[in-house]
Amino acid sequence: MTDSLPLALALAGIVTAVSPLGLRYIKLDGLQMAALSYVVSLALAAAAGLLTGQLHPTTASVMAVLAGSGAFWSVQQGVFKVLYAADPAVVNPPVPPPVKPAP
């Protein structure tokens, strides 16, 4: 392991933990939001691999990125559940009332 690996994992972990607050502004539900959050986790794992120089076109490297993205996605979903349990409005902003048309 290189010295940049802990730094890359820490940065990716921080971004992963904060990402539910950013994803709340994207208006998707159910499977679409789950897919988007996994794609974000996959991108974070790939970015961590690129930052450390550990990402190579090998089966082992691809499996490491997939394992990392699964771990990041799990952390992301855990943070979402904790925030949602604390206050649903934190991760699901209230919808403003519809604007009435002018007469």
N, C-alpha and C. Protein backbone atom coordinates (compact mmCIF):
# COMPACT_ATOMS: atom_id res chain seq x y z
N MET A 1 0.83 -1.17 0.00
CA MET A 1 0.00 0.00 0.00
C MET A 1 0.88 1.24 0.00
N THR A 2 0.42 2.24 -0.69
CA THR A 2 1.18 3.48 -0.76
C THR A 2 0.70 4.45 0.30
N ASP A 3 1.44 5.53 0.46
CA ASP A 3 1.07 6.54 1.45
C ASP A 3 -0.17 7.33 1.01
N SER A 4 -0.47 7.36 -0.29
CA SER A 4 -1.62 8.12 -0.77
C SER A 4 -2.93 7.36 -0.61
N LEU A 5 -2.87 6.06 -0.37
CA LEU A 5 -4.09 5.27 -0.24
C LEU A 5 -4.95 5.70 0.94
N PRO A 6 -4.41 5.86 2.15
CA PRO A 6 -5.27 6.31 3.26
C PRO A 6 -5.88 7.69 3.00
N LEU A 7 -5.11 8.59 2.39
CA LEU A 7 -5.64 9.92 2.08
C LEU A 7 -6.77 9.83 1.07
N ALA A 8 -6.60 9.03 0.02
CA ALA A 8 -7.64 8.89 -1.00
C ALA A 8 -8.89 8.27 -0.40
N LEU A 9 -8.73 7.26 0.43
CA LEU A 9 -9.89 6.63 1.05
C LEU A 9 -10.59 7.57 2.03
N ALA A 10 -9.82 8.37 2.75
CA ALA A 10 -10.42 9.33 3.67
C ALA A 10 -11.22 10.39 2.91
N LEU A 11 -10.64 10.92 1.83
CA LEU A 11 -11.35 11.92 1.03
C LEU A 11 -12.60 11.33 0.40
N ALA A 12 -12.49 10.14 -0.13
CA ALA A 12 -13.66 9.49 -0.73
C ALA A 12 -14.71 9.19 0.33
N GLY A 13 -14.29 8.82 1.51
CA GLY A 13 -15.24 8.57 2.60
C GLY A 13 -15.97 9.81 3.03
N ILE A 14 -15.26 10.93 3.09
CA ILE A 14 -15.90 12.20 3.46
C ILE A 14 -16.91 12.61 2.40
N VAL A 15 -16.51 12.53 1.14
CA VAL A 15 -17.44 12.89 0.05
C VAL A 15 -18.64 11.95 0.05
N THR A 16 -18.41 10.68 0.32
CA THR A 16 -19.50 9.71 0.38
C THR A 16 -20.46 10.03 1.51
N ALA A 17 -19.93 10.40 2.66
CA ALA A 17 -20.78 10.70 3.80
C ALA A 17 -21.60 11.97 3.59
N VAL A 18 -21.07 12.91 2.83
CA VAL A 18 -21.77 14.17 2.59
C VAL A 18 -22.69 14.10 1.37
N SER A 19 -22.49 13.11 0.51
CA SER A 19 -23.24 13.05 -0.75
C SER A 19 -24.75 12.96 -0.60
N PRO A 20 -25.33 12.34 0.45
CA PRO A 20 -26.79 12.37 0.55
C PRO A 20 -27.36 13.78 0.64
N LEU A 21 -26.58 14.70 1.20
CA LEU A 21 -27.06 16.09 1.28
C LEU A 21 -27.08 16.74 -0.10
N GLY A 22 -26.18 16.35 -0.98
CA GLY A 22 -26.18 16.88 -2.35
C GLY A 22 -27.19 16.18 -3.24
N LEU A 23 -27.35 14.87 -3.03
CA LEU A 23 -28.29 14.11 -3.85
C LEU A 23 -29.74 14.46 -3.55
N ARG A 24 -29.99 15.13 -2.45
CA ARG A 24 -31.37 15.45 -2.10
C ARG A 24 -32.02 16.41 -3.08
N TYR A 25 -31.22 17.15 -3.83
CA TYR A 25 -31.77 18.12 -4.77
C TYR A 25 -32.09 17.51 -6.14
N ILE A 26 -31.76 16.26 -6.32
CA ILE A 26 -32.07 15.58 -7.58
C ILE A 26 -33.41 14.88 -7.41
N LYS A 27 -34.34 15.20 -8.26
CA LYS A 27 -35.71 14.71 -8.12
C LYS A 27 -35.88 13.34 -8.79
N LEU A 28 -35.38 12.31 -8.14
CA LEU A 28 -35.56 10.93 -8.58
C LEU A 28 -36.08 10.13 -7.40
N ASP A 29 -36.79 9.06 -7.70
CA ASP A 29 -37.32 8.22 -6.63
C ASP A 29 -36.95 6.77 -6.85
N GLY A 30 -36.98 6.02 -5.78
CA GLY A 30 -36.85 4.57 -5.84
C GLY A 30 -35.58 4.06 -6.49
N LEU A 31 -35.77 3.18 -7.47
CA LEU A 31 -34.64 2.53 -8.13
C LEU A 31 -33.75 3.51 -8.89
N GLN A 32 -34.34 4.56 -9.43
CA GLN A 32 -33.53 5.54 -10.16
C GLN A 32 -32.55 6.24 -9.21
N MET A 33 -33.00 6.61 -8.01
CA MET A 33 -32.11 7.26 -7.05
C MET A 33 -31.08 6.26 -6.53
N ALA A 34 -31.48 5.02 -6.33
CA ALA A 34 -30.52 4.00 -5.88
C ALA A 34 -29.44 3.81 -6.94
N ALA A 35 -29.84 3.76 -8.21
CA ALA A 35 -28.86 3.60 -9.29
C ALA A 35 -27.93 4.80 -9.35
N LEU A 36 -28.48 6.01 -9.23
CA LEU A 36 -27.64 7.21 -9.28
C LEU A 36 -26.67 7.23 -8.11
N SER A 37 -27.14 6.87 -6.92
CA SER A 37 -26.24 6.89 -5.77
C SER A 37 -25.14 5.83 -5.92
N TYR A 38 -25.46 4.69 -6.56
CA TYR A 38 -24.41 3.70 -6.78
C TYR A 38 -23.41 4.18 -7.83
N VAL A 39 -23.88 4.87 -8.86
CA VAL A 39 -22.97 5.41 -9.88
C VAL A 39 -22.05 6.45 -9.23
N VAL A 40 -22.58 7.27 -8.33
CA VAL A 40 -21.73 8.23 -7.61
C VAL A 40 -20.68 7.49 -6.79
N SER A 41 -21.09 6.42 -6.12
CA SER A 41 -20.13 5.63 -5.33
C SER A 41 -19.08 4.96 -6.21
N LEU A 42 -19.50 4.48 -7.37
CA LEU A 42 -18.56 3.87 -8.31
C LEU A 42 -17.55 4.91 -8.81
N ALA A 43 -18.04 6.11 -9.11
CA ALA A 43 -17.14 7.18 -9.55
C ALA A 43 -16.15 7.56 -8.45
N LEU A 44 -16.62 7.60 -7.20
CA LEU A 44 -15.72 7.91 -6.08
C LEU A 44 -14.66 6.83 -5.91
N ALA A 45 -15.05 5.58 -6.05
CA ALA A 45 -14.07 4.48 -5.92
C ALA A 45 -13.06 4.54 -7.05
N ALA A 46 -13.52 4.83 -8.26
CA ALA A 46 -12.60 4.95 -9.40
C ALA A 46 -11.66 6.14 -9.21
N ALA A 47 -12.21 7.25 -8.69
CA ALA A 47 -11.37 8.44 -8.45
C ALA A 47 -10.31 8.15 -7.38
N ALA A 48 -10.70 7.40 -6.34
CA ALA A 48 -9.72 7.03 -5.31
C ALA A 48 -8.64 6.14 -5.91
N GLY A 49 -9.01 5.23 -6.80
CA GLY A 49 -8.02 4.38 -7.46
C GLY A 49 -7.09 5.17 -8.36
N LEU A 50 -7.64 6.15 -9.06
CA LEU A 50 -6.80 6.99 -9.92
C LEU A 50 -5.87 7.88 -9.09
N LEU A 51 -6.39 8.42 -7.99
CA LEU A 51 -5.60 9.30 -7.14
C LEU A 51 -4.40 8.58 -6.54
N THR A 52 -4.59 7.32 -6.19
CA THR A 52 -3.51 6.55 -5.59
C THR A 52 -2.60 5.90 -6.62
N GLY A 53 -3.02 5.87 -7.87
CA GLY A 53 -2.24 5.20 -8.89
C GLY A 53 -2.41 3.70 -8.85
N GLN A 54 -3.40 3.22 -8.13
CA GLN A 54 -3.64 1.78 -7.97
C GLN A 54 -4.58 1.23 -9.04
N LEU A 55 -5.16 2.10 -9.87
CA LEU A 55 -6.13 1.66 -10.86
C LEU A 55 -5.41 1.29 -12.15
N HIS A 56 -5.49 0.02 -12.51
CA HIS A 56 -4.88 -0.50 -13.73
C HIS A 56 -5.92 -1.36 -14.44
N PRO A 57 -5.75 -1.57 -15.75
CA PRO A 57 -6.72 -2.41 -16.47
C PRO A 57 -6.50 -3.90 -16.22
N THR A 58 -6.65 -4.29 -14.97
CA THR A 58 -6.53 -5.71 -14.62
C THR A 58 -7.79 -6.14 -13.88
N THR A 59 -8.00 -7.42 -13.83
CA THR A 59 -9.18 -7.95 -13.14
C THR A 59 -9.15 -7.60 -11.66
N ALA A 60 -8.00 -7.72 -11.05
CA ALA A 60 -7.87 -7.42 -9.62
C ALA A 60 -8.18 -5.96 -9.33
N SER A 61 -7.73 -5.06 -10.19
CA SER A 61 -7.98 -3.64 -10.00
C SER A 61 -9.47 -3.32 -10.16
N VAL A 62 -10.10 -3.92 -11.16
CA VAL A 62 -11.52 -3.69 -11.37
C VAL A 62 -12.33 -4.24 -10.20
N MET A 63 -11.95 -5.40 -9.70
CA MET A 63 -12.64 -5.97 -8.55
C MET A 63 -12.46 -5.10 -7.30
N ALA A 64 -11.28 -4.50 -7.15
CA ALA A 64 -11.05 -3.62 -6.01
C ALA A 64 -11.92 -2.38 -6.11
N VAL A 65 -12.08 -1.83 -7.32
CA VAL A 65 -12.95 -0.66 -7.51
C VAL A 65 -14.40 -1.04 -7.22
N LEU A 66 -14.84 -2.20 -7.68
CA LEU A 66 -16.21 -2.63 -7.41
C LEU A 66 -16.44 -2.87 -5.92
N ALA A 67 -15.46 -3.44 -5.25
CA ALA A 67 -15.59 -3.65 -3.80
C ALA A 67 -15.61 -2.31 -3.07
N GLY A 68 -14.77 -1.39 -3.50
CA GLY A 68 -14.76 -0.06 -2.89
C GLY A 68 -16.06 0.68 -3.12
N SER A 69 -16.61 0.56 -4.32
CA SER A 69 -17.87 1.25 -4.59
C SER A 69 -19.00 0.66 -3.77
N GLY A 70 -18.97 -0.65 -3.56
CA GLY A 70 -19.98 -1.27 -2.70
C GLY A 70 -19.86 -0.78 -1.26
N ALA A 71 -18.63 -0.63 -0.79
CA ALA A 71 -18.41 -0.12 0.57
C ALA A 71 -18.86 1.33 0.67
N PHE A 72 -18.52 2.14 -0.33
CA PHE A 72 -18.93 3.55 -0.31
C PHE A 72 -20.45 3.67 -0.38
N TRP A 73 -21.08 2.83 -1.19
CA TRP A 73 -22.54 2.89 -1.32
C TRP A 73 -23.18 2.51 0.01
N SER A 74 -22.63 1.53 0.70
CA SER A 74 -23.16 1.13 2.01
C SER A 74 -23.05 2.27 3.01
N VAL A 75 -21.92 2.95 3.03
CA VAL A 75 -21.75 4.09 3.92
C VAL A 75 -22.74 5.19 3.56
N GLN A 76 -22.89 5.44 2.26
CA GLN A 76 -23.82 6.47 1.80
C GLN A 76 -25.25 6.17 2.23
N GLN A 77 -25.68 4.92 2.08
CA GLN A 77 -27.03 4.55 2.48
C GLN A 77 -27.20 4.60 3.99
N GLY A 78 -26.17 4.23 4.74
CA GLY A 78 -26.23 4.33 6.19
C GLY A 78 -26.37 5.76 6.66
N VAL A 79 -25.60 6.67 6.06
CA VAL A 79 -25.70 8.09 6.41
C VAL A 79 -27.09 8.62 6.06
N PHE A 80 -27.61 8.21 4.90
CA PHE A 80 -28.96 8.63 4.51
C PHE A 80 -29.98 8.19 5.56
N LYS A 81 -29.91 6.94 5.99
CA LYS A 81 -30.87 6.42 6.97
C LYS A 81 -30.77 7.16 8.30
N VAL A 82 -29.55 7.45 8.73
CA VAL A 82 -29.36 8.18 9.99
C VAL A 82 -29.93 9.59 9.87
N LEU A 83 -29.62 10.28 8.78
CA LEU A 83 -30.15 11.63 8.58
C LEU A 83 -31.67 11.63 8.46
N TYR A 84 -32.20 10.64 7.76
CA TYR A 84 -33.65 10.56 7.57
C TYR A 84 -34.35 10.26 8.90
N ALA A 85 -33.75 9.43 9.73
CA ALA A 85 -34.33 9.13 11.04
C ALA A 85 -34.30 10.36 11.94
N ALA A 86 -33.26 11.17 11.82
CA ALA A 86 -33.14 12.37 12.64
C ALA A 86 -34.17 13.42 12.23
N ASP A 87 -34.27 13.66 10.93
CA ASP A 87 -35.21 14.65 10.41
C ASP A 87 -35.39 14.41 8.92
N PRO A 88 -36.55 13.93 8.50
CA PRO A 88 -36.75 13.63 7.08
C PRO A 88 -36.53 14.82 6.16
N ALA A 89 -36.73 16.04 6.65
CA ALA A 89 -36.54 17.22 5.81
C ALA A 89 -35.07 17.46 5.47
N VAL A 90 -34.16 16.85 6.21
CA VAL A 90 -32.73 17.04 5.93
C VAL A 90 -32.36 16.42 4.59
N VAL A 91 -32.86 15.22 4.31
CA VAL A 91 -32.52 14.56 3.06
C VAL A 91 -33.62 14.65 2.02
N ASN A 92 -34.82 15.02 2.42
CA ASN A 92 -35.92 15.22 1.49
C ASN A 92 -36.48 16.61 1.71
N PRO A 93 -36.00 17.61 0.97
CA PRO A 93 -36.47 18.96 1.21
C PRO A 93 -37.97 19.06 0.96
N PRO A 94 -38.66 19.90 1.75
CA PRO A 94 -40.10 20.04 1.53
C PRO A 94 -40.39 20.63 0.15
N VAL A 95 -41.47 20.16 -0.42
CA VAL A 95 -41.87 20.64 -1.75
C VAL A 95 -42.63 21.95 -1.57
N PRO A 96 -42.23 23.00 -2.28
CA PRO A 96 -42.96 24.27 -2.14
C PRO A 96 -44.37 24.13 -2.71
N PRO A 97 -45.31 24.89 -2.16
CA PRO A 97 -46.67 24.81 -2.68
C PRO A 97 -46.73 25.29 -4.13
N PRO A 98 -47.68 24.76 -4.90
CA PRO A 98 -47.76 25.19 -6.31
C PRO A 98 -48.13 26.66 -6.42
N VAL A 99 -47.60 27.28 -7.43
CA VAL A 99 -47.87 28.70 -7.66
C VAL A 99 -49.20 28.81 -8.38
N LYS A 100 -50.07 29.65 -7.85
CA LYS A 100 -51.38 29.85 -8.48
C LYS A 100 -51.23 30.80 -9.66
N PRO A 101 -51.88 30.48 -10.78
CA PRO A 101 -51.78 31.37 -11.93
C PRO A 101 -52.48 32.70 -11.64
N ALA A 102 -51.92 33.72 -12.23
CA ALA A 102 -52.50 35.07 -12.06
C ALA A 102 -53.83 35.15 -12.82
N PRO A 103 -54.79 35.85 -12.24
CA PRO A 103 -56.11 35.96 -12.93
C PRO A 103 -56.05 36.83 -14.16
